[in-house]
């Protein structure tokens, strides 16, 4: 050992040096290493049973807020959580499906949004089983759809006119509004969460959603072939025969001007013929085709088309027209606005 300080020249800056035994040095460094190792374990949260548990987690996740304060649930306990979430949501979903008006759907979906938000808040307070952490994130995403459900639909743009120039029926609007809610709930996130939880033998989804809303029945009302739908004004000597070689039913209007106020309108079923008599003056021929004839409004309700023959007709002749398109035809038609 060197216990003495070596003499130096005057004015030299001195530093002290001390040499200790090798045994003492080994013990000293060993103690420091143990202390450092303990400090590392405490700081990182290393858990030998499940790897590092101090890793970063997404903000607003239950793993970020509650895993440090609550122990993870068992799979059985977590299944009870899943069931309780479904049971809380289901009554609000039943209200949506049972709604008969847009106002009722507005009320039901806003209530559903509030319940979903409450359940999402609840999911932030639990620590899922270690093996279900990724599935739990998917579950949180599934429940996090309340913001989409807080809009009103009674004033939404769901009343666009269809091809027949009429607004969709109230029944159809209600169905579309229900479908919007159902699609929001049964999103790709929902399907992923259900599949992921099933891999752990955890059940989710069957209790939460009722059966999908049923589409309103499609009606196919028809008038009789040759039935006169409208007739106004005086009669003349003109005669018009209509051959409808198409599969769609048509309503043919003879008019001296506005097709909405015709001399006469006749109904001709698909692959059928009919004749109009008593036509007066020079006239134009309009026709509309479609499905589901609404006698009250003198028009079809779906899949409509509206056309007119480009040249006028006169009562001095008997005319015959064929409505199917053919390369051998000699008359042109033009698409017109709904009438």
C-alpha atoms as a PDB file:
ATOM      1  CA  UNK A   1       0.000   0.000   0.000  1.00  0.00           C
ATOM      2  CA  UNK A   2       1.002   3.529  -0.652  1.00  0.00           C
ATOM      3  CA  UNK A   3       0.155   5.640   2.406  1.00  0.00           C
ATOM      4  CA  UNK A   4       2.531   8.472   1.787  1.00  0.00           C
ATOM      5  CA  UNK A   5       2.267  11.411  -0.546  1.00  0.00           C
ATOM      6  CA  UNK A   6       5.243  11.679  -2.834  1.00  0.00           C
ATOM      7  CA  UNK A   7       7.124  14.957  -2.697  1.00  0.00           C
ATOM      8  CA  UNK A   8       7.050  17.146  -5.767  1.00  0.00           C
ATOM      9  CA  UNK A   9       8.684  20.163  -7.113  1.00  0.00           C
ATOM     10  CA  UNK A  10       7.493  23.507  -5.699  1.00  0.00           C
ATOM     11  CA  UNK A  11       4.529  25.003  -7.584  1.00  0.00           C
ATOM     12  CA  UNK A  12       3.298  21.608  -8.868  1.00  0.00           C
ATOM     13  CA  UNK A  13      -0.467  20.873  -8.510  1.00  0.00           C
ATOM     14  CA  UNK A  14      -0.859  17.873  -6.263  1.00  0.00           C
ATOM     15  CA  UNK A  15      -3.456  15.071  -6.437  1.00  0.00           C
ATOM     16  CA  UNK A  16      -3.877  12.394  -3.811  1.00  0.00           C
ATOM     17  CA  UNK A  17      -3.895   8.711  -4.590  1.00  0.00           C
ATOM     18  CA  UNK A  18      -4.782   5.788  -2.357  1.00  0.00           C
ATOM     19  CA  UNK A  19      -4.536   2.140  -3.105  1.00  0.00           C
ATOM     20  CA  UNK A  20      -6.831  -0.418  -1.367  1.00  0.00           C
ATOM     21  CA  UNK A  21      -6.715  -4.212  -1.241  1.00  0.00           C
ATOM     22  CA  UNK A  22      -8.228  -6.233  -4.150  1.00  0.00           C
ATOM     23  CA  UNK A  23     -10.600  -8.048  -1.776  1.00  0.00           C
ATOM     24  CA  UNK A  24     -12.052  -4.794  -0.502  1.00  0.00           C
ATOM     25  CA  UNK A  25     -12.431  -3.517  -4.049  1.00  0.00           C
ATOM     26  CA  UNK A  26     -14.368  -6.628  -5.175  1.00  0.00           C
ATOM     27  CA  UNK A  27     -16.797  -6.397  -2.316  1.00  0.00           C
ATOM     28  CA  UNK A  28     -17.378  -2.705  -2.921  1.00  0.00           C
ATOM     29  CA  UNK A  29     -18.200  -3.108  -6.602  1.00  0.00           C
ATOM     30  CA  UNK A  30     -20.382  -6.140  -5.835  1.00  0.00           C
ATOM     31  CA  UNK A  31     -22.542  -4.126  -3.443  1.00  0.00           C
ATOM     32  CA  UNK A  32     -22.922  -1.344  -5.974  1.00  0.00           C
ATOM     33  CA  UNK A  33     -23.950  -3.834  -8.663  1.00  0.00           C
ATOM     34  CA  UNK A  34     -26.646  -5.382  -6.473  1.00  0.00           C
ATOM     35  CA  UNK A  35     -28.023  -1.949  -5.544  1.00  0.00           C
ATOM     36  CA  UNK A  36     -28.068  -0.932  -9.209  1.00  0.00           C
ATOM     37  CA  UNK A  37     -29.849  -4.146 -10.229  1.00  0.00           C
ATOM     38  CA  UNK A  38     -32.541  -3.666  -7.580  1.00  0.00           C
ATOM     39  CA  UNK A  39     -33.027  -0.065  -8.686  1.00  0.00           C
ATOM     40  CA  UNK A  40     -33.406  -1.227 -12.327  1.00  0.00           C
ATOM     41  CA  UNK A  41     -36.053  -3.804 -11.440  1.00  0.00           C
ATOM     42  CA  UNK A  42     -38.040  -1.318  -9.374  1.00  0.00           C
ATOM     43  CA  UNK A  43     -37.827   1.325 -12.075  1.00  0.00           C
ATOM     44  CA  UNK A  44     -38.826  -0.880 -15.049  1.00  0.00           C
ATOM     45  CA  UNK A  45     -41.443  -3.015 -13.329  1.00  0.00           C
ATOM     46  CA  UNK A  46     -39.911  -6.274 -14.589  1.00  0.00           C
ATOM     47  CA  UNK A  47     -42.066  -9.278 -13.799  1.00  0.00           C
ATOM     48  CA  UNK A  48     -40.481 -12.679 -14.295  1.00  0.00           C
ATOM     49  CA  UNK A  49     -43.838 -14.343 -14.779  1.00  0.00           C
ATOM     50  CA  UNK A  50     -44.953 -12.248 -17.751  1.00  0.00           C
ATOM     51  CA  UNK A  51     -42.032 -10.214 -19.036  1.00  0.00           C
ATOM     52  CA  UNK A  52     -41.750  -6.428 -18.761  1.00  0.00           C
ATOM     53  CA  UNK A  53     -44.898  -4.787 -17.477  1.00  0.00           C
ATOM     54  CA  UNK A  54     -43.580  -1.225 -17.469  1.00  0.00           C
ATOM     55  CA  UNK A  55     -43.773  -0.848 -21.279  1.00  0.00           C
ATOM     56  CA  UNK A  56     -45.561   2.071 -22.883  1.00  0.00           C
ATOM     57  CA  UNK A  57     -49.302   1.665 -23.508  1.00  0.00           C
ATOM     58  CA  UNK A  58     -51.708   3.750 -25.555  1.00  0.00           C
ATOM     59  CA  UNK A  59     -53.189   6.788 -23.799  1.00  0.00           C
ATOM     60  CA  UNK A  60     -56.776   6.480 -22.556  1.00  0.00           C
ATOM     61  CA  UNK A  61     -56.329   2.724 -22.341  1.00  0.00           C
ATOM     62  CA  UNK A  62     -57.301   0.778 -19.242  1.00  0.00           C
ATOM     63  CA  UNK A  63     -53.783  -0.644 -19.297  1.00  0.00           C
ATOM     64  CA  UNK A  64     -52.415   2.872 -18.892  1.00  0.00           C
ATOM     65  CA  UNK A  65     -54.760   3.942 -16.135  1.00  0.00           C
ATOM     66  CA  UNK A  66     -55.532   0.933 -14.028  1.00  0.00           C
ATOM     67  CA  UNK A  67     -52.924  -1.797 -14.481  1.00  0.00           C
ATOM     68  CA  UNK A  68     -50.632  -0.055 -12.033  1.00  0.00           C
ATOM     69  CA  UNK A  69     -53.330   0.132  -9.379  1.00  0.00           C
ATOM     70  CA  UNK A  70     -55.418  -3.000  -9.929  1.00  0.00           C
ATOM     71  CA  UNK A  71     -54.354  -6.591 -10.462  1.00  0.00           C
ATOM     72  CA  UNK A  72     -55.399  -8.201 -13.758  1.00  0.00           C
ATOM     73  CA  UNK A  73     -58.693 -10.060 -13.802  1.00  0.00           C
ATOM     74  CA  UNK A  74     -58.887 -13.772 -14.291  1.00  0.00           C
ATOM     75  CA  UNK A  75     -60.485 -15.025 -17.492  1.00  0.00           C
ATOM     76  CA  UNK A  76     -63.623 -15.955 -15.550  1.00  0.00           C
ATOM     77  CA  UNK A  77     -63.824 -12.482 -14.014  1.00  0.00           C
ATOM     78  CA  UNK A  78     -63.235 -10.907 -17.407  1.00  0.00           C
ATOM     79  CA  UNK A  79     -66.039 -12.972 -18.924  1.00  0.00           C
ATOM     80  CA  UNK A  80     -68.357 -11.527 -16.281  1.00  0.00           C
ATOM     81  CA  UNK A  81     -67.283  -8.025 -17.397  1.00  0.00           C
ATOM     82  CA  UNK A  82     -68.022  -8.849 -21.043  1.00  0.00           C
ATOM     83  CA  UNK A  83     -71.461 -10.164 -20.144  1.00  0.00           C
ATOM     84  CA  UNK A  84     -72.296  -7.113 -18.044  1.00  0.00           C
ATOM     85  CA  UNK A  85     -71.303  -4.770 -20.900  1.00  0.00           C
ATOM     86  CA  UNK A  86     -73.554  -6.637 -23.324  1.00  0.00           C
ATOM     87  CA  UNK A  87     -76.465  -6.677 -20.917  1.00  0.00           C
ATOM     88  CA  UNK A  88     -76.146  -2.923 -20.395  1.00  0.00           C
ATOM     89  CA  UNK A  89     -76.150  -2.176 -24.137  1.00  0.00           C
ATOM     90  CA  UNK A  90     -78.850  -4.588 -25.321  1.00  0.00           C
ATOM     91  CA  UNK A  91     -81.996  -2.723 -24.091  1.00  0.00           C
ATOM     92  CA  UNK A  92     -80.976   0.411 -25.995  1.00  0.00           C
ATOM     93  CA  UNK A  93     -80.358  -1.633 -29.142  1.00  0.00           C
ATOM     94  CA  UNK A  94     -83.790  -3.231 -28.735  1.00  0.00           C
ATOM     95  CA  UNK A  95     -85.304   0.256 -28.645  1.00  0.00           C
ATOM     96  CA  UNK A  96     -83.592   1.138 -31.909  1.00  0.00           C
ATOM     97  CA  UNK A  97     -84.909  -1.968 -33.645  1.00  0.00           C
ATOM     98  CA  UNK A  98     -88.430  -1.457 -32.262  1.00  0.00           C
ATOM     99  CA  UNK A  99     -88.642   2.209 -33.384  1.00  0.00           C
ATOM    100  CA  UNK A 100     -91.340   3.024 -35.923  1.00  0.00           C
ATOM    101  CA  UNK A 101     -90.497   6.677 -36.624  1.00  0.00           C
ATOM    102  CA  UNK A 102     -87.339   8.684 -37.201  1.00  0.00           C
ATOM    103  CA  UNK A 103     -88.027  10.659 -34.016  1.00  0.00           C
ATOM    104  CA  UNK A 104     -88.098   7.418 -32.016  1.00  0.00           C
ATOM    105  CA  UNK A 105     -84.807   6.358 -33.590  1.00  0.00           C
ATOM    106  CA  UNK A 106     -83.278   9.728 -32.692  1.00  0.00           C
ATOM    107  CA  UNK A 107     -84.229   9.214 -29.056  1.00  0.00           C
ATOM    108  CA  UNK A 108     -83.080   5.590 -28.989  1.00  0.00           C
ATOM    109  CA  UNK A 109     -79.722   6.191 -30.618  1.00  0.00           C
ATOM    110  CA  UNK A 110     -78.904   9.119 -28.319  1.00  0.00           C
ATOM    111  CA  UNK A 111     -79.686   6.913 -25.306  1.00  0.00           C
ATOM    112  CA  UNK A 112     -77.534   4.187 -26.846  1.00  0.00           C
ATOM    113  CA  UNK A 113     -74.659   6.646 -27.267  1.00  0.00           C
ATOM    114  CA  UNK A 114     -74.856   7.612 -23.581  1.00  0.00           C
ATOM    115  CA  UNK A 115     -74.815   3.957 -22.510  1.00  0.00           C
ATOM    116  CA  UNK A 116     -71.876   3.161 -24.776  1.00  0.00           C
ATOM    117  CA  UNK A 117     -69.906   6.060 -23.328  1.00  0.00           C
ATOM    118  CA  UNK A 118     -70.652   4.861 -19.807  1.00  0.00           C
ATOM    119  CA  UNK A 119     -69.511   1.336 -20.666  1.00  0.00           C
ATOM    120  CA  UNK A 120     -66.351   2.676 -22.291  1.00  0.00           C
ATOM    121  CA  UNK A 121     -65.577   4.611 -19.111  1.00  0.00           C
ATOM    122  CA  UNK A 122     -66.162   1.428 -17.124  1.00  0.00           C
ATOM    123  CA  UNK A 123     -63.740  -0.535 -19.317  1.00  0.00           C
ATOM    124  CA  UNK A 124     -61.042   2.014 -18.453  1.00  0.00           C
ATOM    125  CA  UNK A 125     -61.237   1.045 -14.777  1.00  0.00           C
ATOM    126  CA  UNK A 126     -60.378  -2.633 -15.138  1.00  0.00           C
ATOM    127  CA  UNK A 127     -57.194  -4.511 -15.870  1.00  0.00           C
ATOM    128  CA  UNK A 128     -57.857  -7.345 -18.312  1.00  0.00           C
ATOM    129  CA  UNK A 129     -56.110 -10.709 -18.079  1.00  0.00           C
ATOM    130  CA  UNK A 130     -52.593 -10.577 -19.463  1.00  0.00           C
ATOM    131  CA  UNK A 131     -53.503 -12.862 -22.360  1.00  0.00           C
ATOM    132  CA  UNK A 132     -56.493 -10.676 -23.303  1.00  0.00           C
ATOM    133  CA  UNK A 133     -54.781  -7.283 -23.439  1.00  0.00           C
ATOM    134  CA  UNK A 134     -54.918  -6.918 -27.230  1.00  0.00           C
ATOM    135  CA  UNK A 135     -58.501  -8.181 -27.329  1.00  0.00           C
ATOM    136  CA  UNK A 136     -59.421  -5.653 -24.657  1.00  0.00           C
ATOM    137  CA  UNK A 137     -58.138  -2.818 -26.810  1.00  0.00           C
ATOM    138  CA  UNK A 138     -60.332  -4.111 -29.617  1.00  0.00           C
ATOM    139  CA  UNK A 139     -63.292  -4.196 -27.245  1.00  0.00           C
ATOM    140  CA  UNK A 140     -62.690  -0.581 -26.234  1.00  0.00           C
ATOM    141  CA  UNK A 141     -62.620   0.438 -29.905  1.00  0.00           C
ATOM    142  CA  UNK A 142     -65.876  -1.437 -30.493  1.00  0.00           C
ATOM    143  CA  UNK A 143     -67.652   0.417 -27.703  1.00  0.00           C
ATOM    144  CA  UNK A 144     -66.110   3.746 -28.734  1.00  0.00           C
ATOM    145  CA  UNK A 145     -68.732   4.589 -31.391  1.00  0.00           C
ATOM    146  CA  UNK A 146     -71.061   6.810 -29.379  1.00  0.00           C
ATOM    147  CA  UNK A 147     -69.944   9.985 -31.161  1.00  0.00           C
ATOM    148  CA  UNK A 148     -71.276   8.623 -34.457  1.00  0.00           C
ATOM    149  CA  UNK A 149     -74.651   7.868 -32.874  1.00  0.00           C
ATOM    150  CA  UNK A 150     -75.294  11.294 -31.386  1.00  0.00           C
ATOM    151  CA  UNK A 151     -76.532  12.873 -34.617  1.00  0.00           C
ATOM    152  CA  UNK A 152     -80.218  13.291 -35.406  1.00  0.00           C
ATOM    153  CA  UNK A 153     -81.557  11.412 -38.403  1.00  0.00           C
ATOM    154  CA  UNK A 154     -85.050  12.918 -38.591  1.00  0.00           C
ATOM    155  CA  UNK A 155     -83.514  15.971 -40.245  1.00  0.00           C
ATOM    156  CA  UNK A 156     -80.715  14.113 -42.008  1.00  0.00           C
ATOM    157  CA  UNK A 157     -80.463  13.772 -45.753  1.00  0.00           C
ATOM    158  CA  UNK A 158     -82.354  10.484 -45.950  1.00  0.00           C
ATOM    159  CA  UNK A 159     -85.276  11.758 -47.978  1.00  0.00           C
ATOM    160  CA  UNK A 160     -83.708  12.093 -51.395  1.00  0.00           C
ATOM    161  CA  UNK A 161     -86.055  11.548 -54.296  1.00  0.00           C
ATOM    162  CA  UNK A 162     -85.722   8.196 -55.991  1.00  0.00           C
ATOM    163  CA  UNK A 163     -85.794   7.504 -59.734  1.00  0.00           C
ATOM    164  CA  UNK A 164     -89.569   7.945 -59.698  1.00  0.00           C
ATOM    165  CA  UNK A 165     -89.343  11.507 -58.422  1.00  0.00           C
ATOM    166  CA  UNK A 166     -90.784  10.728 -55.004  1.00  0.00           C
ATOM    167  CA  UNK A 167     -89.276  10.719 -51.551  1.00  0.00           C
ATOM    168  CA  UNK A 168     -88.522   7.345 -50.070  1.00  0.00           C
ATOM    169  CA  UNK A 169     -91.390   6.037 -48.027  1.00  0.00           C
ATOM    170  CA  UNK A 170     -91.292   6.667 -44.275  1.00  0.00           C
ATOM    171  CA  UNK A 171     -90.990   2.931 -43.738  1.00  0.00           C
ATOM    172  CA  UNK A 172     -87.891   2.793 -45.924  1.00  0.00           C
ATOM    173  CA  UNK A 173     -86.352   5.812 -44.164  1.00  0.00           C
ATOM    174  CA  UNK A 174     -86.821   4.199 -40.761  1.00  0.00           C
ATOM    175  CA  UNK A 175     -85.243   0.985 -42.007  1.00  0.00           C
ATOM    176  CA  UNK A 176     -82.204   2.842 -43.378  1.00  0.00           C
ATOM    177  CA  UNK A 177     -81.809   4.735 -40.069  1.00  0.00           C
ATOM    178  CA  UNK A 178     -81.876   1.448 -38.144  1.00  0.00           C
ATOM    179  CA  UNK A 179     -79.342  -0.052 -40.509  1.00  0.00           C
ATOM    180  CA  UNK A 180     -77.037   2.923 -39.901  1.00  0.00           C
ATOM    181  CA  UNK A 181     -77.023   2.192 -36.164  1.00  0.00           C
ATOM    182  CA  UNK A 182     -76.610  -1.542 -36.719  1.00  0.00           C
ATOM    183  CA  UNK A 183     -73.664  -1.042 -39.088  1.00  0.00           C
ATOM    184  CA  UNK A 184     -71.999   1.288 -36.566  1.00  0.00           C
ATOM    185  CA  UNK A 185     -72.300  -1.336 -33.837  1.00  0.00           C
ATOM    186  CA  UNK A 186     -71.338  -4.308 -35.987  1.00  0.00           C
ATOM    187  CA  UNK A 187     -68.229  -2.719 -37.436  1.00  0.00           C
ATOM    188  CA  UNK A 188     -64.971  -4.377 -38.448  1.00  0.00           C
ATOM    189  CA  UNK A 189     -63.654  -3.579 -34.949  1.00  0.00           C
ATOM    190  CA  UNK A 190     -66.592  -5.478 -33.453  1.00  0.00           C
ATOM    191  CA  UNK A 191     -65.941  -8.518 -35.621  1.00  0.00           C
ATOM    192  CA  UNK A 192     -62.234  -8.468 -34.798  1.00  0.00           C
ATOM    193  CA  UNK A 193     -62.944  -8.210 -31.060  1.00  0.00           C
ATOM    194  CA  UNK A 194     -65.458 -11.069 -31.163  1.00  0.00           C
ATOM    195  CA  UNK A 195     -63.039 -13.315 -33.044  1.00  0.00           C
ATOM    196  CA  UNK A 196     -60.100 -12.444 -30.793  1.00  0.00           C
ATOM    197  CA  UNK A 197     -62.053 -13.079 -27.607  1.00  0.00           C
ATOM    198  CA  UNK A 198     -63.352 -16.368 -28.980  1.00  0.00           C
ATOM    199  CA  UNK A 199     -59.752 -17.554 -29.330  1.00  0.00           C
ATOM    200  CA  UNK A 200     -59.554 -17.306 -25.529  1.00  0.00           C
ATOM    201  CA  UNK A 201     -62.931 -19.065 -25.139  1.00  0.00           C
ATOM    202  CA  UNK A 202     -64.512 -15.764 -24.137  1.00  0.00           C
ATOM    203  CA  UNK A 203     -68.016 -14.991 -25.376  1.00  0.00           C
ATOM    204  CA  UNK A 204     -68.989 -11.552 -26.608  1.00  0.00           C
ATOM    205  CA  UNK A 205     -71.503 -10.226 -29.116  1.00  0.00           C
ATOM    206  CA  UNK A 206     -74.389 -12.685 -28.959  1.00  0.00           C
ATOM    207  CA  UNK A 207     -76.171 -10.874 -26.121  1.00  0.00           C
ATOM    208  CA  UNK A 208     -75.423  -7.319 -27.247  1.00  0.00           C
ATOM    209  CA  UNK A 209     -77.038  -7.209 -30.676  1.00  0.00           C
ATOM    210  CA  UNK A 210     -80.599  -8.236 -31.512  1.00  0.00           C
ATOM    211  CA  UNK A 211     -81.452  -9.666 -34.900  1.00  0.00           C
ATOM    212  CA  UNK A 212     -80.668  -7.332 -37.790  1.00  0.00           C
ATOM    213  CA  UNK A 213     -83.544  -5.010 -38.761  1.00  0.00           C
ATOM    214  CA  UNK A 214     -85.829  -6.501 -41.389  1.00  0.00           C
ATOM    215  CA  UNK A 215     -86.257  -4.602 -44.630  1.00  0.00           C
ATOM    216  CA  UNK A 216     -89.818  -3.484 -45.397  1.00  0.00           C
ATOM    217  CA  UNK A 217     -91.628  -5.794 -47.788  1.00  0.00           C
ATOM    218  CA  UNK A 218     -91.321  -4.965 -51.463  1.00  0.00           C
ATOM    219  CA  UNK A 219     -94.735  -4.362 -52.982  1.00  0.00           C
ATOM    220  CA  UNK A 220     -95.511  -4.920 -56.650  1.00  0.00           C
ATOM    221  CA  UNK A 221     -98.873  -3.371 -57.300  1.00  0.00           C
ATOM    222  CA  UNK A 222    -100.142  -3.328 -60.913  1.00  0.00           C
ATOM    223  CA  UNK A 223    -103.128  -1.923 -62.757  1.00  0.00           C
ATOM    224  CA  UNK A 224    -105.056  -4.034 -65.231  1.00  0.00           C
ATOM    225  CA  UNK A 225    -103.789  -4.121 -68.796  1.00  0.00           C
ATOM    226  CA  UNK A 226    -105.592  -1.477 -70.844  1.00  0.00           C
ATOM    227  CA  UNK A 227    -106.966   0.290 -67.756  1.00  0.00           C
ATOM    228  CA  UNK A 228    -107.624   4.004 -68.326  1.00  0.00           C
ATOM    229  CA  UNK A 229    -105.814   5.785 -65.510  1.00  0.00           C
ATOM    230  CA  UNK A 230    -106.773   9.383 -66.382  1.00  0.00           C
ATOM    231  CA  UNK A 231    -109.043  11.045 -68.922  1.00  0.00           C
ATOM    232  CA  UNK A 232    -109.974  14.728 -69.222  1.00  0.00           C
ATOM    233  CA  UNK A 233    -111.554  17.094 -71.746  1.00  0.00           C
ATOM    234  CA  UNK A 234    -113.483  16.428 -74.919  1.00  0.00           C
ATOM    235  CA  UNK A 235    -112.969  13.452 -77.163  1.00  0.00           C
ATOM    236  CA  UNK A 236    -111.974  13.222 -80.771  1.00  0.00           C
ATOM    237  CA  UNK A 237    -111.525  10.591 -83.458  1.00  0.00           C
ATOM    238  CA  UNK A 238    -107.877   9.755 -82.918  1.00  0.00           C
ATOM    239  CA  UNK A 239    -106.751   6.217 -82.175  1.00  0.00           C
ATOM    240  CA  UNK A 240    -103.426   4.945 -80.800  1.00  0.00           C
ATOM    241  CA  UNK A 241    -102.365   1.314 -80.377  1.00  0.00           C
ATOM    242  CA  UNK A 242     -99.473   0.580 -77.996  1.00  0.00           C
ATOM    243  CA  UNK A 243     -97.364  -2.574 -78.195  1.00  0.00           C
ATOM    244  CA  UNK A 244     -95.225  -3.056 -75.098  1.00  0.00           C
ATOM    245  CA  UNK A 245     -92.657  -5.692 -75.941  1.00  0.00           C
ATOM    246  CA  UNK A 246     -90.657  -4.943 -72.795  1.00  0.00           C
ATOM    247  CA  UNK A 247     -91.006  -6.883 -69.543  1.00  0.00           C
ATOM    248  CA  UNK A 248     -91.715  -3.719 -67.549  1.00  0.00           C
ATOM    249  CA  UNK A 249     -95.196  -2.263 -67.213  1.00  0.00           C
ATOM    250  CA  UNK A 250     -95.756   1.214 -68.663  1.00  0.00           C
ATOM    251  CA  UNK A 251     -98.206   4.073 -68.380  1.00  0.00           C
ATOM    252  CA  UNK A 252     -98.691   5.906 -71.684  1.00  0.00           C
ATOM    253  CA  UNK A 253     -99.977   9.477 -71.640  1.00  0.00           C
ATOM    254  CA  UNK A 254    -101.453  11.342 -74.576  1.00  0.00           C
ATOM    255  CA  UNK A 255    -101.224  15.108 -74.047  1.00  0.00           C
ATOM    256  CA  UNK A 256    -101.603  18.369 -75.932  1.00  0.00           C
ATOM    257  CA  UNK A 257     -99.015  19.972 -73.657  1.00  0.00           C
ATOM    258  CA  UNK A 258     -98.131  19.186 -70.042  1.00  0.00           C
ATOM    259  CA  UNK A 259     -97.784  15.408 -69.487  1.00  0.00           C
ATOM    260  CA  UNK A 260     -98.926  15.870 -65.882  1.00  0.00           C
ATOM    261  CA  UNK A 261    -102.310  16.985 -67.265  1.00  0.00           C
ATOM    262  CA  UNK A 262    -102.929  14.543 -70.132  1.00  0.00           C
ATOM    263  CA  UNK A 263    -105.967  13.886 -72.310  1.00  0.00           C
ATOM    264  CA  UNK A 264    -105.715  10.260 -71.361  1.00  0.00           C
ATOM    265  CA  UNK A 265    -103.304   7.846 -69.668  1.00  0.00           C
ATOM    266  CA  UNK A 266    -103.511   4.095 -70.202  1.00  0.00           C
ATOM    267  CA  UNK A 267    -101.757   1.251 -68.365  1.00  0.00           C
ATOM    268  CA  UNK A 268    -100.026  -1.380 -70.507  1.00  0.00           C
ATOM    269  CA  UNK A 269     -98.470  -4.373 -68.837  1.00  0.00           C
ATOM    270  CA  UNK A 270     -95.188  -5.862 -69.973  1.00  0.00           C
ATOM    271  CA  UNK A 271     -95.359  -8.018 -73.109  1.00  0.00           C
ATOM    272  CA  UNK A 272     -98.890  -6.767 -73.761  1.00  0.00           C
ATOM    273  CA  UNK A 273    -100.828  -4.389 -76.014  1.00  0.00           C
ATOM    274  CA  UNK A 274    -103.645  -1.886 -75.511  1.00  0.00           C
ATOM    275  CA  UNK A 275    -105.460   0.789 -77.537  1.00  0.00           C
ATOM    276  CA  UNK A 276    -106.494   4.356 -76.742  1.00  0.00           C
ATOM    277  CA  UNK A 277    -109.467   5.843 -78.614  1.00  0.00           C
ATOM    278  CA  UNK A 278    -111.194   9.229 -78.603  1.00  0.00           C
ATOM    279  CA  UNK A 279    -108.020  11.290 -78.962  1.00  0.00           C
ATOM    280  CA  UNK A 280    -108.388  14.899 -80.103  1.00  0.00           C
ATOM    281  CA  UNK A 281    -106.087  17.376 -81.819  1.00  0.00           C
ATOM    282  CA  UNK A 282    -102.357  17.191 -82.392  1.00  0.00           C
ATOM    283  CA  UNK A 283    -100.779  15.433 -79.449  1.00  0.00           C
ATOM    284  CA  UNK A 284     -97.577  14.163 -77.920  1.00  0.00           C
ATOM    285  CA  UNK A 285     -96.981  10.700 -76.492  1.00  0.00           C
ATOM    286  CA  UNK A 286     -95.168  10.318 -73.177  1.00  0.00           C
ATOM    287  CA  UNK A 287     -94.602   7.046 -71.349  1.00  0.00           C
ATOM    288  CA  UNK A 288     -93.159   5.965 -68.013  1.00  0.00           C
ATOM    289  CA  UNK A 289     -92.107   2.526 -66.816  1.00  0.00           C
ATOM    290  CA  UNK A 290     -91.222   1.054 -63.440  1.00  0.00           C
ATOM    291  CA  UNK A 291     -92.395  -1.197 -60.658  1.00  0.00           C
ATOM    292  CA  UNK A 292     -95.114  -1.031 -58.014  1.00  0.00           C
ATOM    293  CA  UNK A 293     -97.919   1.124 -59.416  1.00  0.00           C
ATOM    294  CA  UNK A 294     -99.361   3.682 -57.001  1.00  0.00           C
ATOM    295  CA  UNK A 295    -102.858   4.394 -58.277  1.00  0.00           C
ATOM    296  CA  UNK A 296    -103.326   7.367 -55.955  1.00  0.00           C
ATOM    297  CA  UNK A 297    -100.446   9.313 -57.494  1.00  0.00           C
ATOM    298  CA  UNK A 298    -100.725   7.841 -61.018  1.00  0.00           C
ATOM    299  CA  UNK A 299     -97.161   6.614 -61.013  1.00  0.00           C
ATOM    300  CA  UNK A 300     -94.702   3.884 -60.188  1.00  0.00           C
ATOM    301  CA  UNK A 301     -92.740   3.948 -56.939  1.00  0.00           C
ATOM    302  CA  UNK A 302     -89.408   2.372 -57.951  1.00  0.00           C
ATOM    303  CA  UNK A 303     -87.043   1.786 -60.870  1.00  0.00           C
ATOM    304  CA  UNK A 304     -88.656   4.453 -63.019  1.00  0.00           C
ATOM    305  CA  UNK A 305     -87.817   5.838 -66.426  1.00  0.00           C
ATOM    306  CA  UNK A 306     -89.594   8.662 -68.287  1.00  0.00           C
ATOM    307  CA  UNK A 307     -89.552   9.261 -72.058  1.00  0.00           C
ATOM    308  CA  UNK A 308     -91.422  10.969 -74.876  1.00  0.00           C
ATOM    309  CA  UNK A 309     -91.650  10.448 -78.616  1.00  0.00           C
ATOM    310  CA  UNK A 310     -89.859  13.295 -80.351  1.00  0.00           C
ATOM    311  CA  UNK A 311     -92.413  13.805 -83.154  1.00  0.00           C
ATOM    312  CA  UNK A 312     -96.072  14.779 -82.626  1.00  0.00           C
ATOM    313  CA  UNK A 313     -99.109  12.715 -83.627  1.00  0.00           C
ATOM    314  CA  UNK A 314    -102.466  13.860 -85.007  1.00  0.00           C
ATOM    315  CA  UNK A 315    -106.026  12.635 -84.643  1.00  0.00           C
ATOM    316  CA  UNK A 316    -106.536  12.333 -88.389  1.00  0.00           C
ATOM    317  CA  UNK A 317    -104.675   9.019 -88.444  1.00  0.00           C
ATOM    318  CA  UNK A 318    -104.722   5.778 -86.548  1.00  0.00           C
ATOM    319  CA  UNK A 319    -101.286   5.277 -85.034  1.00  0.00           C
ATOM    320  CA  UNK A 320     -99.476   2.231 -83.695  1.00  0.00           C
ATOM    321  CA  UNK A 321     -96.320   2.480 -81.595  1.00  0.00           C
ATOM    322  CA  UNK A 322     -93.933  -0.149 -80.262  1.00  0.00           C
ATOM    323  CA  UNK A 323     -92.069   0.693 -77.051  1.00  0.00           C
ATOM    324  CA  UNK A 324     -89.222  -1.792 -77.190  1.00  0.00           C
ATOM    325  CA  UNK A 325     -85.923  -0.526 -78.535  1.00  0.00           C
ATOM    326  CA  UNK A 326     -84.917  -1.978 -81.883  1.00  0.00           C
ATOM    327  CA  UNK A 327     -82.310  -1.140 -84.576  1.00  0.00           C
ATOM    328  CA  UNK A 328     -85.091  -1.304 -87.147  1.00  0.00           C
ATOM    329  CA  UNK A 329     -87.143   1.433 -85.463  1.00  0.00           C
ATOM    330  CA  UNK A 330     -88.104   4.657 -87.227  1.00  0.00           C
ATOM    331  CA  UNK A 331     -88.988   6.923 -84.278  1.00  0.00           C
ATOM    332  CA  UNK A 332     -86.755   8.490 -81.668  1.00  0.00           C
ATOM    333  CA  UNK A 333     -87.509   9.160 -78.011  1.00  0.00           C
ATOM    334  CA  UNK A 334     -86.001  11.473 -75.426  1.00  0.00           C
ATOM    335  CA  UNK A 335     -85.629  11.061 -71.682  1.00  0.00           C
ATOM    336  CA  UNK A 336     -87.689  13.624 -69.762  1.00  0.00           C
ATOM    337  CA  UNK A 337     -88.248  14.729 -66.179  1.00  0.00           C
ATOM    338  CA  UNK A 338     -90.584  12.717 -63.953  1.00  0.00           C
ATOM    339  CA  UNK A 339     -94.256  13.427 -64.554  1.00  0.00           C
END
